[in-house]
């Protein structure tokens, strides 16, 4: 996974970069295709804000999380949890869609009209 990190109103930190890579690199196991993530870390007054634009094949996820008391690590953890939930929902939806025994509504209507 390719991760771009942007810092706004906060100095660049290797420990924050390592924490982001640790949290988001594990999503490679869930994904079927290569992914790109653009993470924006910002501080405004007493809030730490983490935002992500996540793209993989046809899947696009945008998430944002805030933490009080200038705790950027908590914002990153919350953000990774939100992305994990959205990825899991997408994966489950795809799995249900591709499950067997699908037939169209038109077939049901035709069977009822014919009387079989």
PDB file of N, CA and C in Angstrom:
ATOM      1  N   UNK A   1       0.843  -1.160   0.000  1.00  0.00           N
ATOM      2  CA  UNK A   1       0.000   0.000   0.000  1.00  0.00           C
ATOM      3  C   UNK A   1       0.898   1.236   0.000  1.00  0.00           C
ATOM      4  N   UNK A   2       0.505   2.193  -0.819  1.00  0.00           N
ATOM      5  CA  UNK A   2       1.243   3.452  -0.894  1.00  0.00           C
ATOM      6  C   UNK A   2       0.525   4.480  -0.030  1.00  0.00           C
ATOM      7  N   UNK A   3       1.258   5.052   0.926  1.00  0.00           N
ATOM      8  CA  UNK A   3       0.663   6.006   1.854  1.00  0.00           C
ATOM      9  C   UNK A   3       1.391   7.339   1.749  1.00  0.00           C
ATOM     10  N   UNK A   4       0.631   8.398   1.455  1.00  0.00           N
ATOM     11  CA  UNK A   4       1.152   9.766   1.456  1.00  0.00           C
ATOM     12  C   UNK A   4       0.659  10.443   2.728  1.00  0.00           C
ATOM     13  N   UNK A   5       1.552  11.157   3.396  1.00  0.00           N
ATOM     14  CA  UNK A   5       1.197  11.803   4.657  1.00  0.00           C
ATOM     15  C   UNK A   5       1.461  13.293   4.535  1.00  0.00           C
ATOM     16  N   UNK A   6       0.458  14.099   4.909  1.00  0.00           N
ATOM     17  CA  UNK A   6       0.584  15.553   4.903  1.00  0.00           C
ATOM     18  C   UNK A   6       0.384  16.055   6.329  1.00  0.00           C
ATOM     19  N   UNK A   7       1.264  16.939   6.768  1.00  0.00           N
ATOM     20  CA  UNK A   7       1.174  17.532   8.100  1.00  0.00           C
ATOM     21  C   UNK A   7       0.747  18.994   7.961  1.00  0.00           C
ATOM     22  N   UNK A   8      -0.306  19.385   8.701  1.00  0.00           N
ATOM     23  CA  UNK A   8      -0.769  20.776   8.705  1.00  0.00           C
ATOM     24  C   UNK A   8      -0.698  21.306  10.129  1.00  0.00           C
ATOM     25  N   UNK A   9       0.006  22.396  10.312  1.00  0.00           N
ATOM     26  CA  UNK A   9       0.150  23.036  11.623  1.00  0.00           C
ATOM     27  C   UNK A   9       0.758  22.106  12.667  1.00  0.00           C
ATOM     28  N   UNK A  10       1.556  21.168  12.223  1.00  0.00           N
ATOM     29  CA  UNK A  10       2.198  20.211  13.125  1.00  0.00           C
ATOM     30  C   UNK A  10       3.546  19.843  12.502  1.00  0.00           C
ATOM     31  N   UNK A  11       4.590  19.741  13.296  1.00  0.00           N
ATOM     32  CA  UNK A  11       5.884  19.358  12.721  1.00  0.00           C
ATOM     33  C   UNK A  11       5.886  17.888  12.291  1.00  0.00           C
ATOM     34  N   UNK A  12       6.609  17.606  11.239  1.00  0.00           N
ATOM     35  CA  UNK A  12       6.724  16.244  10.738  1.00  0.00           C
ATOM     36  C   UNK A  12       7.447  15.375  11.771  1.00  0.00           C
ATOM     37  N   UNK A  13       6.941  14.167  11.967  1.00  0.00           N
ATOM     38  CA  UNK A  13       7.499  13.289  12.986  1.00  0.00           C
ATOM     39  C   UNK A  13       7.619  11.869  12.435  1.00  0.00           C
ATOM     40  N   UNK A  14       8.778  11.279  12.621  1.00  0.00           N
ATOM     41  CA  UNK A  14       8.989   9.903  12.158  1.00  0.00           C
ATOM     42  C   UNK A  14       8.144   8.916  12.968  1.00  0.00           C
ATOM     43  N   UNK A  15       7.924   9.213  14.246  1.00  0.00           N
ATOM     44  CA  UNK A  15       7.122   8.300  15.065  1.00  0.00           C
ATOM     45  C   UNK A  15       5.661   8.295  14.604  1.00  0.00           C
ATOM     46  N   UNK A  16       5.131   9.449  14.202  1.00  0.00           N
ATOM     47  CA  UNK A  16       3.765   9.492  13.663  1.00  0.00           C
ATOM     48  C   UNK A  16       3.692   8.739  12.339  1.00  0.00           C
ATOM     49  N   UNK A  17       4.697   8.922  11.485  1.00  0.00           N
ATOM     50  CA  UNK A  17       4.721   8.200  10.206  1.00  0.00           C
ATOM     51  C   UNK A  17       4.759   6.691  10.435  1.00  0.00           C
ATOM     52  N   UNK A  18       5.576   6.252  11.379  1.00  0.00           N
ATOM     53  CA  UNK A  18       5.684   4.821  11.675  1.00  0.00           C
ATOM     54  C   UNK A  18       4.363   4.286  12.224  1.00  0.00           C
ATOM     55  N   UNK A  19       3.692   5.073  13.064  1.00  0.00           N
ATOM     56  CA  UNK A  19       2.405   4.654  13.630  1.00  0.00           C
ATOM     57  C   UNK A  19       1.352   4.520  12.530  1.00  0.00           C
ATOM     58  N   UNK A  20       1.346   5.449  11.589  1.00  0.00           N
ATOM     59  CA  UNK A  20       0.400   5.386  10.473  1.00  0.00           C
ATOM     60  C   UNK A  20       0.661   4.149   9.622  1.00  0.00           C
ATOM     61  N   UNK A  21       1.921   3.904   9.290  1.00  0.00           N
ATOM     62  CA  UNK A  21       2.250   2.724   8.482  1.00  0.00           C
ATOM     63  C   UNK A  21       1.886   1.439   9.226  1.00  0.00           C
ATOM     64  N   UNK A  22       2.100   1.411  10.532  1.00  0.00           N
ATOM     65  CA  UNK A  22       1.762   0.233  11.326  1.00  0.00           C
ATOM     66  C   UNK A  22       0.261  -0.037  11.298  1.00  0.00           C
ATOM     67  N   UNK A  23      -0.540   1.014  11.404  1.00  0.00           N
ATOM     68  CA  UNK A  23      -1.992   0.858  11.444  1.00  0.00           C
ATOM     69  C   UNK A  23      -2.598   0.522  10.086  1.00  0.00           C
ATOM     70  N   UNK A  24      -2.068   1.117   9.000  1.00  0.00           N
ATOM     71  CA  UNK A  24      -2.722   0.976   7.699  1.00  0.00           C
ATOM     72  C   UNK A  24      -2.114  -0.097   6.808  1.00  0.00           C
ATOM     73  N   UNK A  25      -0.898  -0.540   7.075  1.00  0.00           N
ATOM     74  CA  UNK A  25      -0.305  -1.591   6.254  1.00  0.00           C
ATOM     75  C   UNK A  25      -0.992  -2.936   6.463  1.00  0.00           C
ATOM     76  N   UNK A  26      -1.643  -3.114   7.600  1.00  0.00           N
ATOM     77  CA  UNK A  26      -2.324  -4.379   7.850  1.00  0.00           C
ATOM     78  C   UNK A  26      -3.573  -4.560   6.990  1.00  0.00           C
ATOM     79  N   UNK A  27      -4.054  -3.485   6.364  1.00  0.00           N
ATOM     80  CA  UNK A  27      -5.224  -3.594   5.494  1.00  0.00           C
ATOM     81  C   UNK A  27      -4.898  -4.285   4.176  1.00  0.00           C
ATOM     82  N   UNK A  28      -3.623  -4.460   3.867  1.00  0.00           N
ATOM     83  CA  UNK A  28      -3.248  -5.175   2.647  1.00  0.00           C
ATOM     84  C   UNK A  28      -3.768  -6.608   2.670  1.00  0.00           C
ATOM     85  N   UNK A  29      -3.920  -7.189   3.859  1.00  0.00           N
ATOM     86  CA  UNK A  29      -4.433  -8.562   3.972  1.00  0.00           C
ATOM     87  C   UNK A  29      -5.906  -8.633   3.567  1.00  0.00           C
ATOM     88  N   UNK A  30      -6.653  -7.561   3.834  1.00  0.00           N
ATOM     89  CA  UNK A  30      -8.081  -7.540   3.535  1.00  0.00           C
ATOM     90  C   UNK A  30      -8.333  -7.264   2.058  1.00  0.00           C
ATOM     91  N   UNK A  31      -7.501  -6.417   1.459  1.00  0.00           N
ATOM     92  CA  UNK A  31      -7.736  -5.941   0.093  1.00  0.00           C
ATOM     93  C   UNK A  31      -7.281  -6.945  -0.955  1.00  0.00           C
ATOM     94  N   UNK A  32      -7.986  -6.929  -2.085  1.00  0.00           N
ATOM     95  CA  UNK A  32      -7.636  -7.781  -3.214  1.00  0.00           C
ATOM     96  C   UNK A  32      -6.728  -7.065  -4.207  1.00  0.00           C
ATOM     97  N   UNK A  33      -6.788  -5.740  -4.224  1.00  0.00           N
ATOM     98  CA  UNK A  33      -6.038  -4.934  -5.179  1.00  0.00           C
ATOM     99  C   UNK A  33      -5.122  -3.961  -4.437  1.00  0.00           C
ATOM    100  N   UNK A  34      -4.099  -3.453  -5.106  1.00  0.00           N
ATOM    101  CA  UNK A  34      -3.230  -2.449  -4.471  1.00  0.00           C
ATOM    102  C   UNK A  34      -4.024  -1.202  -4.099  1.00  0.00           C
ATOM    103  N   UNK A  35      -3.593  -0.542  -3.044  1.00  0.00           N
ATOM    104  CA  UNK A  35      -4.339   0.612  -2.546  1.00  0.00           C
ATOM    105  C   UNK A  35      -3.428   1.814  -2.390  1.00  0.00           C
ATOM    106  N   UNK A  36      -4.054   2.998  -2.414  1.00  0.00           N
ATOM    107  CA  UNK A  36      -3.371   4.256  -2.148  1.00  0.00           C
ATOM    108  C   UNK A  36      -4.110   4.958  -1.027  1.00  0.00           C
ATOM    109  N   UNK A  37      -3.363   5.566  -0.139  1.00  0.00           N
ATOM    110  CA  UNK A  37      -3.985   6.302   0.962  1.00  0.00           C
ATOM    111  C   UNK A  37      -3.294   7.653   1.089  1.00  0.00           C
ATOM    112  N   UNK A  38      -4.088   8.683   1.234  1.00  0.00           N
ATOM    113  CA  UNK A  38      -3.559  10.026   1.487  1.00  0.00           C
ATOM    114  C   UNK A  38      -4.066  10.451   2.861  1.00  0.00           C
ATOM    115  N   UNK A  39      -3.147  10.562   3.813  1.00  0.00           N
ATOM    116  CA  UNK A  39      -3.489  10.885   5.196  1.00  0.00           C
ATOM    117  C   UNK A  39      -3.091  12.332   5.470  1.00  0.00           C
ATOM    118  N   UNK A  40      -4.017  13.093   6.044  1.00  0.00           N
ATOM    119  CA  UNK A  40      -3.750  14.479   6.424  1.00  0.00           C
ATOM    120  C   UNK A  40      -3.869  14.569   7.944  1.00  0.00           C
ATOM    121  N   UNK A  41      -2.800  15.017   8.589  1.00  0.00           N
ATOM    122  CA  UNK A  41      -2.787  15.217  10.037  1.00  0.00           C
ATOM    123  C   UNK A  41      -2.741  16.708  10.308  1.00  0.00           C
ATOM    124  N   UNK A  42      -3.668  17.195  11.131  1.00  0.00           N
ATOM    125  CA  UNK A  42      -3.739  18.621  11.404  1.00  0.00           C
ATOM    126  C   UNK A  42      -4.044  18.853  12.878  1.00  0.00           C
ATOM    127  N   UNK A  43      -3.610  20.001  13.350  1.00  0.00           N
ATOM    128  CA  UNK A  43      -3.959  20.420  14.702  1.00  0.00           C
ATOM    129  C   UNK A  43      -4.610  21.788  14.625  1.00  0.00           C
ATOM    130  N   UNK A  44      -5.762  21.909  15.275  1.00  0.00           N
ATOM    131  CA  UNK A  44      -6.484  23.177  15.343  1.00  0.00           C
ATOM    132  C   UNK A  44      -6.847  23.425  16.797  1.00  0.00           C
ATOM    133  N   UNK A  45      -6.346  24.474  17.349  1.00  0.00           N
ATOM    134  CA  UNK A  45      -6.575  24.839  18.749  1.00  0.00           C
ATOM    135  C   UNK A  45      -6.284  23.649  19.651  1.00  0.00           C
ATOM    136  N   UNK A  46      -7.284  23.048  20.251  1.00  0.00           N
ATOM    137  CA  UNK A  46      -7.072  21.934  21.176  1.00  0.00           C
ATOM    138  C   UNK A  46      -7.474  20.582  20.582  1.00  0.00           C
ATOM    139  N   UNK A  47      -7.617  20.512  19.267  1.00  0.00           N
ATOM    140  CA  UNK A  47      -8.054  19.278  18.618  1.00  0.00           C
ATOM    141  C   UNK A  47      -6.972  18.743  17.691  1.00  0.00           C
ATOM    142  N   UNK A  48      -6.876  17.427  17.638  1.00  0.00           N
ATOM    143  CA  UNK A  48      -6.035  16.753  16.653  1.00  0.00           C
ATOM    144  C   UNK A  48      -6.963  16.099  15.644  1.00  0.00           C
ATOM    145  N   UNK A  49      -6.711  16.347  14.366  1.00  0.00           N
ATOM    146  CA  UNK A  49      -7.598  15.857  13.317  1.00  0.00           C
ATOM    147  C   UNK A  49      -6.792  14.965  12.369  1.00  0.00           C
ATOM    148  N   UNK A  50      -7.305  13.772  12.116  1.00  0.00           N
ATOM    149  CA  UNK A  50      -6.716  12.858  11.149  1.00  0.00           C
ATOM    150  C   UNK A  50      -7.772  12.572  10.086  1.00  0.00           C
ATOM    151  N   UNK A  51      -7.369  12.681   8.820  1.00  0.00           N
ATOM    152  CA  UNK A  51      -8.299  12.514   7.704  1.00  0.00           C
ATOM    153  C   UNK A  51      -7.629  11.641   6.655  1.00  0.00           C
ATOM    154  N   UNK A  52      -8.416  10.803   5.982  1.00  0.00           N
ATOM    155  CA  UNK A  52      -7.844   9.903   4.985  1.00  0.00           C
ATOM    156  C   UNK A  52      -8.729   9.844   3.747  1.00  0.00           C
ATOM    157  N   UNK A  53      -8.074   9.769   2.593  1.00  0.00           N
ATOM    158  CA  UNK A  53      -8.708   9.429   1.329  1.00  0.00           C
ATOM    159  C   UNK A  53      -8.060   8.122   0.896  1.00  0.00           C
ATOM    160  N   UNK A  54      -8.864   7.072   0.837  1.00  0.00           N
ATOM    161  CA  UNK A  54      -8.381   5.717   0.600  1.00  0.00           C
ATOM    162  C   UNK A  54      -8.970   5.218  -0.703  1.00  0.00           C
ATOM    163  N   UNK A  55      -8.122   4.763  -1.625  1.00  0.00           N
ATOM    164  CA  UNK A  55      -8.582   4.301  -2.931  1.00  0.00           C
ATOM    165  C   UNK A  55      -7.970   2.941  -3.243  1.00  0.00           C
ATOM    166  N   UNK A  56      -8.825   2.005  -3.635  1.00  0.00           N
ATOM    167  CA  UNK A  56      -8.365   0.681  -4.053  1.00  0.00           C
ATOM    168  C   UNK A  56      -9.326   0.168  -5.116  1.00  0.00           C
ATOM    169  N   UNK A  57      -8.840   0.017  -6.334  1.00  0.00           N
ATOM    170  CA  UNK A  57      -9.657  -0.446  -7.455  1.00  0.00           C
ATOM    171  C   UNK A  57     -10.934   0.397  -7.532  1.00  0.00           C
ATOM    172  N   UNK A  58     -12.113  -0.176  -7.276  1.00  0.00           N
ATOM    173  CA  UNK A  58     -13.380   0.565  -7.368  1.00  0.00           C
ATOM    174  C   UNK A  58     -13.819   1.123  -6.020  1.00  0.00           C
ATOM    175  N   UNK A  59     -13.090   0.829  -4.978  1.00  0.00           N
ATOM    176  CA  UNK A  59     -13.453   1.240  -3.624  1.00  0.00           C
ATOM    177  C   UNK A  59     -12.799   2.572  -3.275  1.00  0.00           C
ATOM    178  N   UNK A  60     -13.621   3.518  -2.813  1.00  0.00           N
ATOM    179  CA  UNK A  60     -13.123   4.809  -2.376  1.00  0.00           C
ATOM    180  C   UNK A  60     -13.699   5.093  -0.998  1.00  0.00           C
ATOM    181  N   UNK A  61     -12.823   5.400  -0.048  1.00  0.00           N
ATOM    182  CA  UNK A  61     -13.250   5.664   1.316  1.00  0.00           C
ATOM    183  C   UNK A  61     -12.673   7.004   1.756  1.00  0.00           C
ATOM    184  N   UNK A  62     -13.525   7.817   2.354  1.00  0.00           N
ATOM    185  CA  UNK A  62     -13.080   9.065   2.968  1.00  0.00           C
ATOM    186  C   UNK A  62     -13.525   9.028   4.418  1.00  0.00           C
ATOM    187  N   UNK A  63     -12.582   9.209   5.335  1.00  0.00           N
ATOM    188  CA  UNK A  63     -12.923   9.180   6.756  1.00  0.00           C
ATOM    189  C   UNK A  63     -12.163  10.277   7.481  1.00  0.00           C
ATOM    190  N   UNK A  64     -12.743  10.697   8.608  1.00  0.00           N
ATOM    191  CA  UNK A  64     -12.137  11.760   9.403  1.00  0.00           C
ATOM    192  C   UNK A  64     -12.383  11.453  10.872  1.00  0.00           C
ATOM    193  N   UNK A  65     -11.367  11.680  11.703  1.00  0.00           N
ATOM    194  CA  UNK A  65     -11.519  11.460  13.127  1.00  0.00           C
ATOM    195  C   UNK A  65     -10.809  12.571  13.888  1.00  0.00           C
ATOM    196  N   UNK A  66     -11.387  12.930  15.018  1.00  0.00           N
ATOM    197  CA  UNK A  66     -10.824  13.993  15.847  1.00  0.00           C
ATOM    198  C   UNK A  66     -10.576  13.458  17.245  1.00  0.00           C
ATOM    199  N   UNK A  67      -9.554  14.014  17.896  1.00  0.00           N
ATOM    200  CA  UNK A  67      -9.266  13.681  19.289  1.00  0.00           C
ATOM    201  C   UNK A  67      -8.985  14.974  20.035  1.00  0.00           C
ATOM    202  N   UNK A  68      -9.445  15.039  21.252  1.00  0.00           N
ATOM    203  CA  UNK A  68      -9.212  16.231  22.074  1.00  0.00           C
ATOM    204  C   UNK A  68      -7.834  16.164  22.725  1.00  0.00           C
ATOM    205  N   UNK A  69      -7.448  17.269  23.321  1.00  0.00           N
ATOM    206  CA  UNK A  69      -6.203  17.364  24.081  1.00  0.00           C
ATOM    207  C   UNK A  69      -4.948  17.109  23.254  1.00  0.00           C
ATOM    208  N   UNK A  70      -5.007  17.381  21.984  1.00  0.00           N
ATOM    209  CA  UNK A  70      -3.852  17.246  21.088  1.00  0.00           C
ATOM    210  C   UNK A  70      -3.210  15.857  21.156  1.00  0.00           C
ATOM    211  N   UNK A  71      -4.016  14.826  21.088  1.00  0.00           N
ATOM    212  CA  UNK A  71      -3.524  13.453  21.087  1.00  0.00           C
ATOM    213  C   UNK A  71      -3.675  12.882  19.675  1.00  0.00           C
ATOM    214  N   UNK A  72      -2.653  13.061  18.847  1.00  0.00           N
ATOM    215  CA  UNK A  72      -2.714  12.644  17.444  1.00  0.00           C
ATOM    216  C   UNK A  72      -2.776  11.123  17.318  1.00  0.00           C
ATOM    217  N   UNK A  73      -2.145  10.407  18.230  1.00  0.00           N
ATOM    218  CA  UNK A  73      -2.152   8.943  18.162  1.00  0.00           C
ATOM    219  C   UNK A  73      -3.575   8.395  18.336  1.00  0.00           C
ATOM    220  N   UNK A  74      -4.361   9.000  19.210  1.00  0.00           N
ATOM    221  CA  UNK A  74      -5.750   8.571  19.396  1.00  0.00           C
ATOM    222  C   UNK A  74      -6.572   8.851  18.140  1.00  0.00           C
ATOM    223  N   UNK A  75      -6.309   9.983  17.476  1.00  0.00           N
ATOM    224  CA  UNK A  75      -7.021  10.306  16.235  1.00  0.00           C
ATOM    225  C   UNK A  75      -6.680   9.299  15.141  1.00  0.00           C
ATOM    226  N   UNK A  76      -5.419   8.909  15.054  1.00  0.00           N
ATOM    227  CA  UNK A  76      -4.997   7.930  14.041  1.00  0.00           C
ATOM    228  C   UNK A  76      -5.623   6.566  14.337  1.00  0.00           C
ATOM    229  N   UNK A  77      -5.658   6.171  15.603  1.00  0.00           N
ATOM    230  CA  UNK A  77      -6.274   4.893  15.968  1.00  0.00           C
ATOM    231  C   UNK A  77      -7.761   4.872  15.630  1.00  0.00           C
ATOM    232  N   UNK A  78      -8.454   5.955  15.936  1.00  0.00           N
ATOM    233  CA  UNK A  78      -9.875   6.044  15.602  1.00  0.00           C
ATOM    234  C   UNK A  78     -10.110   6.017  14.103  1.00  0.00           C
ATOM    235  N   UNK A  79      -9.241   6.678  13.367  1.00  0.00           N
ATOM    236  CA  UNK A  79      -9.348   6.703  11.908  1.00  0.00           C
ATOM    237  C   UNK A  79      -9.141   5.312  11.317  1.00  0.00           C
ATOM    238  N   UNK A  80      -8.147   4.590  11.810  1.00  0.00           N
ATOM    239  CA  UNK A  80      -7.895   3.241  11.277  1.00  0.00           C
ATOM    240  C   UNK A  80      -9.066   2.312  11.581  1.00  0.00           C
ATOM    241  N   UNK A  81      -9.702   2.500  12.728  1.00  0.00           N
ATOM    242  CA  UNK A  81     -10.869   1.681  13.072  1.00  0.00           C
ATOM    243  C   UNK A  81     -12.044   1.980  12.134  1.00  0.00           C
ATOM    244  N   UNK A  82     -12.262   3.246  11.824  1.00  0.00           N
ATOM    245  CA  UNK A  82     -13.331   3.619  10.890  1.00  0.00           C
ATOM    246  C   UNK A  82     -13.086   3.022   9.505  1.00  0.00           C
ATOM    247  N   UNK A  83     -11.851   3.084   9.034  1.00  0.00           N
ATOM    248  CA  UNK A  83     -11.518   2.531   7.718  1.00  0.00           C
ATOM    249  C   UNK A  83     -11.685   1.011   7.732  1.00  0.00           C
ATOM    250  N   UNK A  84     -11.272   0.356   8.821  1.00  0.00           N
ATOM    251  CA  UNK A  84     -11.409  -1.094   8.921  1.00  0.00           C
ATOM    252  C   UNK A  84     -12.879  -1.503   8.844  1.00  0.00           C
ATOM    253  N   UNK A  85     -13.741  -0.771   9.531  1.00  0.00           N
ATOM    254  CA  UNK A  85     -15.174  -1.080   9.509  1.00  0.00           C
ATOM    255  C   UNK A  85     -15.741  -0.912   8.105  1.00  0.00           C
ATOM    256  N   UNK A  86     -15.363   0.168   7.420  1.00  0.00           N
ATOM    257  CA  UNK A  86     -15.868   0.389   6.059  1.00  0.00           C
ATOM    258  C   UNK A  86     -15.342  -0.663   5.092  1.00  0.00           C
ATOM    259  N   UNK A  87     -14.082  -1.070   5.243  1.00  0.00           N
ATOM    260  CA  UNK A  87     -13.530  -2.127   4.388  1.00  0.00           C
ATOM    261  C   UNK A  87     -14.257  -3.449   4.632  1.00  0.00           C
ATOM    262  N   UNK A  88     -14.528  -3.764   5.892  1.00  0.00           N
ATOM    263  CA  UNK A  88     -15.216  -5.004   6.219  1.00  0.00           C
ATOM    264  C   UNK A  88     -16.628  -5.003   5.658  1.00  0.00           C
ATOM    265  N   UNK A  89     -17.337  -3.872   5.757  1.00  0.00           N
ATOM    266  CA  UNK A  89     -18.689  -3.774   5.190  1.00  0.00           C
ATOM    267  C   UNK A  89     -18.655  -3.979   3.677  1.00  0.00           C
ATOM    268  N   UNK A  90     -17.698  -3.361   3.025  1.00  0.00           N
ATOM    269  CA  UNK A  90     -17.576  -3.494   1.576  1.00  0.00           C
ATOM    270  C   UNK A  90     -17.281  -4.937   1.181  1.00  0.00           C
ATOM    271  N   UNK A  91     -16.384  -5.572   1.926  1.00  0.00           N
ATOM    272  CA  UNK A  91     -16.018  -6.966   1.644  1.00  0.00           C
ATOM    273  C   UNK A  91     -17.220  -7.893   1.864  1.00  0.00           C
ATOM    274  N   UNK A  92     -17.976  -7.681   2.940  1.00  0.00           N
ATOM    275  CA  UNK A  92     -19.158  -8.499   3.201  1.00  0.00           C
ATOM    276  C   UNK A  92     -20.227  -8.294   2.139  1.00  0.00           C
ATOM    277  N   UNK A  93     -20.411  -7.056   1.717  1.00  0.00           N
ATOM    278  CA  UNK A  93     -21.393  -6.756   0.681  1.00  0.00           C
ATOM    279  C   UNK A  93     -21.027  -7.452  -0.626  1.00  0.00           C
ATOM    280  N   UNK A  94     -19.763  -7.418  -0.978  1.00  0.00           N
ATOM    281  CA  UNK A  94     -19.298  -8.082  -2.195  1.00  0.00           C
ATOM    282  C   UNK A  94     -19.469  -9.593  -2.074  1.00  0.00           C
ATOM    283  N   UNK A  95     -19.161 -10.133  -0.915  1.00  0.00           N
ATOM    284  CA  UNK A  95     -19.284 -11.576  -0.690  1.00  0.00           C
ATOM    285  C   UNK A  95     -20.744 -12.014  -0.813  1.00  0.00           C
ATOM    286  N   UNK A  96     -21.690 -11.244  -0.238  1.00  0.00           N
ATOM    287  CA  UNK A  96     -23.113 -11.575  -0.351  1.00  0.00           C
ATOM    288  C   UNK A  96     -23.592 -11.473  -1.789  1.00  0.00           C
ATOM    289  N   UNK A  97     -23.090 -10.478  -2.501  1.00  0.00           N
ATOM    290  CA  UNK A  97     -23.507 -10.272  -3.888  1.00  0.00           C
ATOM    291  C   UNK A  97     -23.051 -11.420  -4.774  1.00  0.00           C
ATOM    292  N   UNK A  98     -21.857 -11.942  -4.497  1.00  0.00           N
ATOM    293  CA  UNK A  98     -21.313 -13.002  -5.333  1.00  0.00           C
ATOM    294  C   UNK A  98     -21.723 -14.397  -4.878  1.00  0.00           C
ATOM    295  N   UNK A  99     -22.513 -14.498  -3.803  1.00  0.00           N
ATOM    296  CA  UNK A  99     -22.973 -15.801  -3.332  1.00  0.00           C
ATOM    297  C   UNK A  99     -23.891 -16.425  -4.380  1.00  0.00           C
ATOM    298  N   UNK A 100     -23.980 -17.739  -4.387  1.00  0.00           N
ATOM    299  CA  UNK A 100     -24.717 -18.460  -5.425  1.00  0.00           C
ATOM    300  C   UNK A 100     -26.226 -18.296  -5.354  1.00  0.00           C
ATOM    301  N   UNK A 101     -26.929 -18.993  -6.264  1.00  0.00           N
ATOM    302  CA  UNK A 101     -28.390 -19.030  -6.357  1.00  0.00           C
ATOM    303  C   UNK A 101     -29.016 -17.652  -6.512  1.00  0.00           C
ATOM    304  N   UNK A 102     -28.608 -16.943  -7.485  1.00  0.00           N
ATOM    305  CA  UNK A 102     -29.214 -15.650  -7.791  1.00  0.00           C
ATOM    306  C   UNK A 102     -30.172 -15.833  -8.956  1.00  0.00           C
ATOM    307  N   UNK A 103     -31.324 -15.222  -8.843  1.00  0.00           N
ATOM    308  CA  UNK A 103     -32.237 -15.182  -9.973  1.00  0.00           C
ATOM    309  C   UNK A 103     -32.922 -13.826  -9.953  1.00  0.00           C
ATOM    310  N   UNK A 104     -33.388 -13.422 -11.084  1.00  0.00           N
ATOM    311  CA  UNK A 104     -33.917 -12.066 -11.198  1.00  0.00           C
ATOM    312  C   UNK A 104     -35.378 -12.003 -10.796  1.00  0.00           C
ATOM    313  N   UNK A 105     -35.828 -10.811 -10.540  1.00  0.00           N
ATOM    314  CA  UNK A 105     -37.225 -10.578 -10.191  1.00  0.00           C
ATOM    315  C   UNK A 105     -38.118 -10.883 -11.385  1.00  0.00           C
ATOM    316  N   UNK A 106     -37.632 -10.645 -12.572  1.00  0.00           N
ATOM    317  CA  UNK A 106     -38.413 -10.926 -13.778  1.00  0.00           C
ATOM    318  C   UNK A 106     -38.746 -12.410 -13.872  1.00  0.00           C
ATOM    319  N   UNK A 107     -37.797 -13.271 -13.493  1.00  0.00           N
ATOM    320  CA  UNK A 107     -38.050 -14.711 -13.536  1.00  0.00           C
ATOM    321  C   UNK A 107     -39.158 -15.095 -12.564  1.00  0.00           C
ATOM    322  N   UNK A 108     -39.174 -14.504 -11.364  1.00  0.00           N
ATOM    323  CA  UNK A 108     -40.209 -14.795 -10.389  1.00  0.00           C
ATOM    324  C   UNK A 108     -41.576 -14.353 -10.918  1.00  0.00           C
ATOM    325  N   UNK A 109     -41.635 -13.159 -11.502  1.00  0.00           N
ATOM    326  CA  UNK A 109     -42.886 -12.648 -12.045  1.00  0.00           C
ATOM    327  C   UNK A 109     -43.384 -13.543 -13.174  1.00  0.00           C
ATOM    328  N   UNK A 110     -42.480 -13.981 -14.048  1.00  0.00           N
ATOM    329  CA  UNK A 110     -42.852 -14.824 -15.177  1.00  0.00           C
ATOM    330  C   UNK A 110     -43.387 -16.161 -14.677  1.00  0.00           C
ATOM    331  N   UNK A 111     -42.746 -16.743 -13.631  1.00  0.00           N
ATOM    332  CA  UNK A 111     -43.213 -18.033 -13.086  1.00  0.00           C
ATOM    333  C   UNK A 111     -44.600 -17.902 -12.472  1.00  0.00           C
ATOM    334  N   UNK A 112     -44.882 -16.799 -11.788  1.00  0.00           N
ATOM    335  CA  UNK A 112     -46.191 -16.602 -11.182  1.00  0.00           C
ATOM    336  C   UNK A 112     -47.256 -16.364 -12.240  1.00  0.00           C
ATOM    337  N   UNK A 113     -46.907 -15.650 -13.316  1.00  0.00           N
ATOM    338  CA  UNK A 113     -47.874 -15.356 -14.376  1.00  0.00           C
ATOM    339  C   UNK A 113     -48.243 -16.622 -15.146  1.00  0.00           C
ATOM    340  N   UNK A 114     -47.284 -17.486 -15.365  1.00  0.00           N
ATOM    341  CA  UNK A 114     -47.522 -18.728 -16.085  1.00  0.00           C
ATOM    342  C   UNK A 114     -48.293 -19.709 -15.217  1.00  0.00           C
ATOM    343  N   UNK A 115     -48.097 -19.622 -13.909  1.00  0.00           N
ATOM    344  CA  UNK A 115     -48.829 -20.487 -12.997  1.00  0.00           C
ATOM    345  C   UNK A 115     -48.084 -21.755 -12.630  1.00  0.00           C
ATOM    346  N   UNK A 116     -46.795 -21.750 -12.671  1.00  0.00           N
ATOM    347  CA  UNK A 116     -46.038 -22.949 -12.286  1.00  0.00           C
ATOM    348  C   UNK A 116     -45.644 -22.905 -10.856  1.00  0.00           C
TER     349      UNK A 116
END
